[in-house]
Amino acid sequence: MASGMLARIRELFEGDQGVRKVAGDPVLSAELLLLFRMILADGQVSETEMAVFKRICRDSFGIGEESMDGVVEYLHDFGYETTGTQAIEMFRGLGLERRKELARHMAEIAKADSQLAENEVRLLRRTLDVLGISPVDVVKPAGEG
């Protein structure tokens, strides 16, 4: 009981660990911003897209469910200062596998609601072009998943 209270007090002074992680890593911030923009690309936020976003945050980046509201709020603020092009540019210098991972995450979110909207396809295509990735590179090889 006391340790839970201490943890909450500490969080008040230090901020949420997940938000600090995102804010302290410009590439992670850029990726999550692009993923969130993919969620918004079709004009609506579906529960399935948000579920995929949360799973990616948890499994790929170690950001827990308890941090999601703060992370989304941070991305909302960060998004006003960062264009999609600027966010994509942060990935140009990264290795091919890391760029493919971003594209795969974006494709997962786009397909999450079982409908590929034209704006989602356009955003993914533009991202692939800027990152120098073929659509074939986004498809996971057999046995992965």
N, C-alpha and C. Protein backbone atom coordinates (compact mmCIF):
# COMPACT_ATOMS: atom_id res chain seq x y z
N MET A 1 0.82 -1.19 0.00
CA MET A 1 0.00 0.00 0.00
C MET A 1 0.86 1.25 0.00
N ALA A 2 1.83 1.30 0.95
CA ALA A 2 2.71 2.47 1.02
C ALA A 2 3.59 2.57 -0.21
N SER A 3 4.04 1.43 -0.74
CA SER A 3 4.90 1.48 -1.93
C SER A 3 4.13 1.99 -3.13
N GLY A 4 2.84 1.65 -3.25
CA GLY A 4 2.01 2.16 -4.34
C GLY A 4 1.84 3.66 -4.27
N MET A 5 1.66 4.16 -3.05
CA MET A 5 1.52 5.60 -2.86
C MET A 5 2.83 6.30 -3.19
N LEU A 6 3.94 5.72 -2.76
CA LEU A 6 5.25 6.31 -3.07
C LEU A 6 5.49 6.33 -4.57
N ALA A 7 5.09 5.28 -5.24
CA ALA A 7 5.27 5.23 -6.70
C ALA A 7 4.46 6.34 -7.38
N ARG A 8 3.23 6.57 -6.91
CA ARG A 8 2.40 7.63 -7.49
C ARG A 8 2.99 9.01 -7.20
N ILE A 9 3.50 9.22 -6.01
CA ILE A 9 4.13 10.50 -5.67
C ILE A 9 5.36 10.71 -6.54
N ARG A 10 6.16 9.66 -6.68
CA ARG A 10 7.36 9.75 -7.51
C ARG A 10 7.00 10.09 -8.95
N GLU A 11 5.94 9.45 -9.47
CA GLU A 11 5.51 9.72 -10.83
C GLU A 11 5.07 11.17 -11.00
N LEU A 12 4.41 11.73 -9.98
CA LEU A 12 4.01 13.13 -10.05
C LEU A 12 5.21 14.05 -10.23
N PHE A 13 6.30 13.73 -9.54
CA PHE A 13 7.49 14.57 -9.61
C PHE A 13 8.36 14.27 -10.83
N GLU A 14 8.41 13.01 -11.22
CA GLU A 14 9.30 12.62 -12.32
C GLU A 14 8.59 12.47 -13.65
N GLY A 15 7.29 12.36 -13.65
CA GLY A 15 6.55 12.13 -14.88
C GLY A 15 6.44 10.64 -15.17
N ASP A 16 5.58 10.32 -16.10
CA ASP A 16 5.33 8.94 -16.48
C ASP A 16 6.55 8.37 -17.21
N GLN A 17 6.94 7.16 -16.83
CA GLN A 17 8.12 6.52 -17.40
C GLN A 17 7.97 6.32 -18.92
N GLY A 18 6.80 5.90 -19.38
CA GLY A 18 6.58 5.70 -20.81
C GLY A 18 6.68 6.99 -21.59
N VAL A 19 6.11 8.06 -21.05
CA VAL A 19 6.18 9.37 -21.71
C VAL A 19 7.62 9.86 -21.74
N ARG A 20 8.36 9.67 -20.63
CA ARG A 20 9.77 10.07 -20.61
C ARG A 20 10.57 9.31 -21.66
N LYS A 21 10.26 8.03 -21.81
CA LYS A 21 10.95 7.20 -22.80
C LYS A 21 10.72 7.75 -24.21
N VAL A 22 9.48 8.05 -24.53
CA VAL A 22 9.14 8.57 -25.85
C VAL A 22 9.75 9.96 -26.05
N ALA A 23 9.61 10.82 -25.06
CA ALA A 23 10.12 12.19 -25.18
C ALA A 23 11.64 12.22 -25.29
N GLY A 24 12.31 11.24 -24.70
CA GLY A 24 13.77 11.22 -24.71
C GLY A 24 14.38 10.57 -25.94
N ASP A 25 13.55 10.04 -26.84
CA ASP A 25 14.04 9.35 -28.02
C ASP A 25 13.35 9.91 -29.26
N PRO A 26 14.01 10.81 -29.99
CA PRO A 26 13.37 11.46 -31.14
C PRO A 26 12.92 10.48 -32.22
N VAL A 27 13.67 9.39 -32.42
CA VAL A 27 13.27 8.42 -33.44
C VAL A 27 12.01 7.68 -33.00
N LEU A 28 11.95 7.30 -31.74
CA LEU A 28 10.74 6.65 -31.22
C LEU A 28 9.55 7.60 -31.29
N SER A 29 9.76 8.85 -30.92
CA SER A 29 8.68 9.85 -31.02
C SER A 29 8.19 9.96 -32.45
N ALA A 30 9.13 10.00 -33.41
CA ALA A 30 8.76 10.12 -34.82
C ALA A 30 7.98 8.89 -35.28
N GLU A 31 8.43 7.69 -34.87
CA GLU A 31 7.73 6.48 -35.28
C GLU A 31 6.32 6.45 -34.72
N LEU A 32 6.18 6.72 -33.45
CA LEU A 32 4.84 6.68 -32.85
C LEU A 32 3.94 7.75 -33.46
N LEU A 33 4.52 8.89 -33.79
CA LEU A 33 3.74 9.94 -34.45
C LEU A 33 3.25 9.46 -35.82
N LEU A 34 4.12 8.80 -36.58
CA LEU A 34 3.71 8.27 -37.88
C LEU A 34 2.65 7.19 -37.73
N LEU A 35 2.80 6.34 -36.72
CA LEU A 35 1.80 5.30 -36.48
C LEU A 35 0.45 5.92 -36.11
N PHE A 36 0.51 6.96 -35.30
CA PHE A 36 -0.74 7.62 -34.90
C PHE A 36 -1.38 8.33 -36.10
N ARG A 37 -0.54 8.90 -36.96
CA ARG A 37 -1.09 9.52 -38.17
C ARG A 37 -1.72 8.48 -39.09
N MET A 38 -1.18 7.27 -39.08
CA MET A 38 -1.79 6.20 -39.87
C MET A 38 -3.16 5.88 -39.30
N ILE A 39 -3.30 5.88 -37.99
CA ILE A 39 -4.60 5.64 -37.36
C ILE A 39 -5.60 6.69 -37.83
N LEU A 40 -5.16 7.92 -37.94
CA LEU A 40 -6.04 9.03 -38.30
C LEU A 40 -6.23 9.20 -39.80
N ALA A 41 -5.46 8.49 -40.61
CA ALA A 41 -5.46 8.69 -42.06
C ALA A 41 -6.82 8.46 -42.70
N ASP A 42 -7.60 7.54 -42.16
CA ASP A 42 -8.91 7.27 -42.76
C ASP A 42 -10.01 8.13 -42.15
N GLY A 43 -9.63 9.05 -41.29
CA GLY A 43 -10.60 10.00 -40.73
C GLY A 43 -11.31 9.52 -39.48
N GLN A 44 -11.00 8.32 -39.03
CA GLN A 44 -11.64 7.82 -37.81
C GLN A 44 -10.67 6.93 -37.05
N VAL A 45 -10.83 6.93 -35.74
CA VAL A 45 -9.99 6.09 -34.88
C VAL A 45 -10.81 4.87 -34.50
N SER A 46 -10.40 3.72 -35.03
CA SER A 46 -11.13 2.49 -34.70
C SER A 46 -10.48 1.83 -33.48
N GLU A 47 -11.28 1.07 -32.77
CA GLU A 47 -10.77 0.35 -31.61
C GLU A 47 -9.70 -0.65 -32.01
N THR A 48 -9.89 -1.28 -33.18
CA THR A 48 -8.90 -2.28 -33.61
C THR A 48 -7.57 -1.62 -33.95
N GLU A 49 -7.59 -0.45 -34.57
CA GLU A 49 -6.34 0.27 -34.86
C GLU A 49 -5.64 0.68 -33.57
N MET A 50 -6.42 1.18 -32.60
CA MET A 50 -5.81 1.56 -31.33
C MET A 50 -5.26 0.35 -30.60
N ALA A 51 -5.93 -0.78 -30.70
CA ALA A 51 -5.44 -2.00 -30.05
C ALA A 51 -4.10 -2.42 -30.67
N VAL A 52 -3.98 -2.32 -31.98
CA VAL A 52 -2.71 -2.66 -32.65
C VAL A 52 -1.63 -1.66 -32.23
N PHE A 53 -1.97 -0.38 -32.18
CA PHE A 53 -1.02 0.65 -31.76
C PHE A 53 -0.50 0.35 -30.35
N LYS A 54 -1.40 0.04 -29.44
CA LYS A 54 -1.01 -0.27 -28.06
C LYS A 54 -0.15 -1.52 -27.98
N ARG A 55 -0.49 -2.53 -28.78
CA ARG A 55 0.31 -3.76 -28.81
C ARG A 55 1.72 -3.48 -29.32
N ILE A 56 1.83 -2.69 -30.37
CA ILE A 56 3.14 -2.33 -30.91
C ILE A 56 3.93 -1.57 -29.84
N CYS A 57 3.28 -0.62 -29.18
CA CYS A 57 3.96 0.15 -28.13
C CYS A 57 4.47 -0.77 -27.03
N ARG A 58 3.65 -1.72 -26.63
CA ARG A 58 4.02 -2.65 -25.56
C ARG A 58 5.11 -3.62 -26.01
N ASP A 59 4.87 -4.32 -27.12
CA ASP A 59 5.76 -5.40 -27.53
C ASP A 59 7.07 -4.92 -28.14
N SER A 60 7.02 -3.85 -28.91
CA SER A 60 8.23 -3.38 -29.60
C SER A 60 9.01 -2.35 -28.81
N PHE A 61 8.33 -1.59 -27.95
CA PHE A 61 8.99 -0.47 -27.29
C PHE A 61 8.90 -0.48 -25.78
N GLY A 62 8.21 -1.47 -25.21
CA GLY A 62 8.13 -1.59 -23.77
C GLY A 62 7.33 -0.48 -23.10
N ILE A 63 6.34 0.05 -23.79
CA ILE A 63 5.50 1.11 -23.23
C ILE A 63 4.19 0.46 -22.77
N GLY A 64 3.94 0.53 -21.47
CA GLY A 64 2.78 -0.13 -20.90
C GLY A 64 1.49 0.61 -21.11
N GLU A 65 0.41 -0.12 -20.94
CA GLU A 65 -0.96 0.41 -21.08
C GLU A 65 -1.17 1.64 -20.19
N GLU A 66 -0.58 1.61 -19.00
CA GLU A 66 -0.78 2.71 -18.05
C GLU A 66 -0.18 4.03 -18.55
N SER A 67 0.71 3.96 -19.52
CA SER A 67 1.36 5.16 -20.06
C SER A 67 0.69 5.69 -21.32
N MET A 68 -0.25 4.94 -21.88
CA MET A 68 -0.78 5.28 -23.19
C MET A 68 -1.45 6.64 -23.27
N ASP A 69 -2.25 7.01 -22.28
CA ASP A 69 -2.90 8.32 -22.32
C ASP A 69 -1.87 9.44 -22.38
N GLY A 70 -0.84 9.33 -21.55
CA GLY A 70 0.22 10.34 -21.54
C GLY A 70 1.02 10.35 -22.83
N VAL A 71 1.28 9.17 -23.38
CA VAL A 71 2.02 9.09 -24.65
C VAL A 71 1.21 9.72 -25.77
N VAL A 72 -0.07 9.41 -25.85
CA VAL A 72 -0.92 9.98 -26.89
C VAL A 72 -0.99 11.50 -26.74
N GLU A 73 -1.09 11.98 -25.51
CA GLU A 73 -1.10 13.43 -25.27
C GLU A 73 0.22 14.05 -25.72
N TYR A 74 1.33 13.40 -25.40
CA TYR A 74 2.64 13.89 -25.83
C TYR A 74 2.71 13.92 -27.36
N LEU A 75 2.25 12.85 -28.02
CA LEU A 75 2.29 12.81 -29.48
C LEU A 75 1.42 13.90 -30.09
N HIS A 76 0.29 14.18 -29.45
CA HIS A 76 -0.58 15.26 -29.92
C HIS A 76 0.18 16.58 -29.89
N ASP A 77 0.87 16.86 -28.79
CA ASP A 77 1.65 18.10 -28.67
C ASP A 77 2.83 18.09 -29.63
N PHE A 78 3.56 16.97 -29.70
CA PHE A 78 4.72 16.83 -30.57
C PHE A 78 4.32 16.96 -32.04
N GLY A 79 3.12 16.45 -32.36
CA GLY A 79 2.63 16.48 -33.74
C GLY A 79 2.40 17.87 -34.28
N TYR A 80 2.12 18.83 -33.42
CA TYR A 80 1.94 20.20 -33.88
C TYR A 80 3.25 20.81 -34.32
N GLU A 81 4.36 20.29 -33.82
CA GLU A 81 5.67 20.84 -34.13
C GLU A 81 6.40 20.04 -35.19
N THR A 82 5.86 18.89 -35.61
CA THR A 82 6.55 17.99 -36.50
C THR A 82 5.65 17.57 -37.65
N THR A 83 6.12 17.77 -38.88
CA THR A 83 5.35 17.30 -40.03
C THR A 83 5.64 15.82 -40.25
N GLY A 84 4.78 15.19 -41.01
CA GLY A 84 5.00 13.79 -41.35
C GLY A 84 6.32 13.60 -42.09
N THR A 85 6.63 14.53 -42.96
CA THR A 85 7.89 14.45 -43.72
C THR A 85 9.09 14.53 -42.78
N GLN A 86 9.03 15.42 -41.80
CA GLN A 86 10.12 15.52 -40.83
C GLN A 86 10.26 14.23 -40.04
N ALA A 87 9.13 13.64 -39.67
CA ALA A 87 9.17 12.39 -38.91
C ALA A 87 9.79 11.27 -39.75
N ILE A 88 9.39 11.17 -41.00
CA ILE A 88 9.94 10.14 -41.89
C ILE A 88 11.44 10.35 -42.09
N GLU A 89 11.86 11.61 -42.24
CA GLU A 89 13.27 11.91 -42.48
C GLU A 89 14.18 11.37 -41.37
N MET A 90 13.67 11.27 -40.16
CA MET A 90 14.48 10.75 -39.05
C MET A 90 14.91 9.31 -39.29
N PHE A 91 14.20 8.60 -40.16
CA PHE A 91 14.49 7.19 -40.40
C PHE A 91 15.44 6.95 -41.56
N ARG A 92 15.66 7.96 -42.38
CA ARG A 92 16.49 7.77 -43.57
C ARG A 92 17.87 7.22 -43.27
N GLY A 93 18.49 7.67 -42.21
CA GLY A 93 19.84 7.23 -41.90
C GLY A 93 19.91 5.92 -41.14
N LEU A 94 18.77 5.35 -40.79
CA LEU A 94 18.76 4.10 -40.03
C LEU A 94 18.91 2.90 -40.96
N GLY A 95 19.27 1.78 -40.40
CA GLY A 95 19.45 0.56 -41.17
C GLY A 95 18.17 0.09 -41.84
N LEU A 96 18.34 -0.74 -42.86
CA LEU A 96 17.21 -1.23 -43.64
C LEU A 96 16.20 -1.97 -42.77
N GLU A 97 16.65 -2.82 -41.87
CA GLU A 97 15.72 -3.58 -41.03
C GLU A 97 14.88 -2.66 -40.15
N ARG A 98 15.47 -1.62 -39.63
CA ARG A 98 14.72 -0.68 -38.77
C ARG A 98 13.68 0.08 -39.60
N ARG A 99 14.05 0.45 -40.83
CA ARG A 99 13.10 1.13 -41.72
C ARG A 99 11.96 0.19 -42.10
N LYS A 100 12.29 -1.09 -42.34
CA LYS A 100 11.25 -2.07 -42.66
C LYS A 100 10.30 -2.25 -41.48
N GLU A 101 10.86 -2.25 -40.27
CA GLU A 101 10.03 -2.40 -39.08
C GLU A 101 9.00 -1.28 -38.98
N LEU A 102 9.42 -0.04 -39.24
CA LEU A 102 8.48 1.08 -39.25
C LEU A 102 7.38 0.83 -40.27
N ALA A 103 7.77 0.45 -41.48
CA ALA A 103 6.78 0.22 -42.54
C ALA A 103 5.82 -0.91 -42.17
N ARG A 104 6.34 -1.96 -41.58
CA ARG A 104 5.48 -3.08 -41.16
C ARG A 104 4.48 -2.63 -40.09
N HIS A 105 4.96 -1.83 -39.14
CA HIS A 105 4.06 -1.33 -38.10
C HIS A 105 2.96 -0.46 -38.72
N MET A 106 3.33 0.38 -39.67
CA MET A 106 2.33 1.23 -40.32
C MET A 106 1.31 0.37 -41.08
N ALA A 107 1.80 -0.66 -41.77
CA ALA A 107 0.90 -1.54 -42.52
C ALA A 107 -0.03 -2.31 -41.57
N GLU A 108 0.49 -2.74 -40.43
CA GLU A 108 -0.35 -3.44 -39.44
C GLU A 108 -1.51 -2.57 -39.01
N ILE A 109 -1.22 -1.31 -38.74
CA ILE A 109 -2.28 -0.40 -38.30
C ILE A 109 -3.27 -0.14 -39.43
N ALA A 110 -2.76 0.06 -40.64
CA ALA A 110 -3.64 0.32 -41.78
C ALA A 110 -4.59 -0.84 -42.01
N LYS A 111 -4.13 -2.08 -41.82
CA LYS A 111 -4.95 -3.26 -42.07
C LYS A 111 -5.80 -3.66 -40.87
N ALA A 112 -5.59 -3.04 -39.73
CA ALA A 112 -6.24 -3.47 -38.49
C ALA A 112 -7.76 -3.46 -38.56
N ASP A 113 -8.33 -2.49 -39.23
CA ASP A 113 -9.79 -2.41 -39.28
C ASP A 113 -10.37 -3.12 -40.51
N SER A 114 -9.55 -3.92 -41.17
CA SER A 114 -9.96 -4.71 -42.34
C SER A 114 -10.37 -3.88 -43.54
N GLN A 115 -10.02 -2.60 -43.52
CA GLN A 115 -10.31 -1.71 -44.65
C GLN A 115 -9.09 -0.85 -44.91
N LEU A 116 -8.64 -0.84 -46.14
CA LEU A 116 -7.53 0.04 -46.50
C LEU A 116 -8.10 1.27 -47.19
N ALA A 117 -8.11 2.37 -46.49
CA ALA A 117 -8.60 3.62 -47.06
C ALA A 117 -7.54 4.19 -48.00
N GLU A 118 -7.99 4.97 -48.95
CA GLU A 118 -7.07 5.56 -49.93
C GLU A 118 -5.99 6.40 -49.24
N ASN A 119 -6.36 7.16 -48.22
CA ASN A 119 -5.38 7.98 -47.51
C ASN A 119 -4.34 7.13 -46.77
N GLU A 120 -4.76 5.96 -46.28
CA GLU A 120 -3.81 5.06 -45.62
C GLU A 120 -2.81 4.51 -46.62
N VAL A 121 -3.31 4.11 -47.78
CA VAL A 121 -2.43 3.59 -48.84
C VAL A 121 -1.46 4.68 -49.29
N ARG A 122 -1.96 5.89 -49.46
CA ARG A 122 -1.13 7.01 -49.90
C ARG A 122 -0.03 7.31 -48.87
N LEU A 123 -0.38 7.34 -47.58
CA LEU A 123 0.61 7.61 -46.54
C LEU A 123 1.67 6.50 -46.50
N LEU A 124 1.24 5.26 -46.59
CA LEU A 124 2.19 4.14 -46.57
C LEU A 124 3.09 4.19 -47.81
N ARG A 125 2.52 4.43 -48.97
CA ARG A 125 3.30 4.49 -50.21
C ARG A 125 4.34 5.60 -50.14
N ARG A 126 3.93 6.77 -49.67
CA ARG A 126 4.86 7.90 -49.55
C ARG A 126 5.99 7.57 -48.58
N THR A 127 5.64 6.93 -47.47
CA THR A 127 6.65 6.55 -46.48
C THR A 127 7.64 5.56 -47.08
N LEU A 128 7.14 4.55 -47.80
CA LEU A 128 8.01 3.57 -48.43
C LEU A 128 8.95 4.24 -49.43
N ASP A 129 8.41 5.17 -50.22
CA ASP A 129 9.24 5.88 -51.20
C ASP A 129 10.36 6.66 -50.54
N VAL A 130 10.02 7.41 -49.50
CA VAL A 130 11.03 8.22 -48.81
C VAL A 130 12.09 7.35 -48.15
N LEU A 131 11.66 6.21 -47.62
CA LEU A 131 12.59 5.32 -46.92
C LEU A 131 13.34 4.37 -47.86
N GLY A 132 13.00 4.40 -49.14
CA GLY A 132 13.67 3.53 -50.09
C GLY A 132 13.35 2.06 -49.87
N ILE A 133 12.10 1.77 -49.56
CA ILE A 133 11.67 0.40 -49.27
C ILE A 133 10.63 -0.01 -50.32
N SER A 134 10.76 -1.23 -50.80
CA SER A 134 9.79 -1.80 -51.72
C SER A 134 8.61 -2.35 -50.91
N PRO A 135 7.40 -2.28 -51.47
CA PRO A 135 6.26 -2.90 -50.77
C PRO A 135 6.51 -4.37 -50.46
N VAL A 136 7.28 -5.05 -51.28
CA VAL A 136 7.61 -6.46 -51.04
C VAL A 136 8.38 -6.60 -49.73
N ASP A 137 9.21 -5.59 -49.39
CA ASP A 137 10.00 -5.63 -48.16
C ASP A 137 9.14 -5.57 -46.91
N VAL A 138 7.92 -5.08 -47.05
CA VAL A 138 7.04 -4.91 -45.90
C VAL A 138 6.37 -6.22 -45.52
N VAL A 139 6.20 -7.10 -46.49
CA VAL A 139 5.57 -8.38 -46.25
C VAL A 139 6.56 -9.27 -45.50
N LYS A 140 6.12 -9.80 -44.36
CA LYS A 140 6.99 -10.66 -43.56
C LYS A 140 7.21 -11.98 -44.29
N PRO A 141 8.44 -12.48 -44.27
CA PRO A 141 8.71 -13.79 -44.87
C PRO A 141 7.90 -14.88 -44.16
N ALA A 142 7.61 -15.95 -44.88
CA ALA A 142 6.87 -17.07 -44.30
C ALA A 142 7.55 -17.56 -43.03
N GLY A 143 6.73 -17.88 -42.03
CA GLY A 143 7.28 -18.35 -40.77
C GLY A 143 7.46 -17.25 -39.73
N GLU A 144 7.44 -15.99 -40.16
CA GLU A 144 7.53 -14.88 -39.20
C GLU A 144 6.13 -14.50 -38.78
N GLY A 145 6.04 -13.90 -37.62
CA GLY A 145 4.73 -13.40 -37.26
C GLY A 145 4.52 -13.59 -35.85
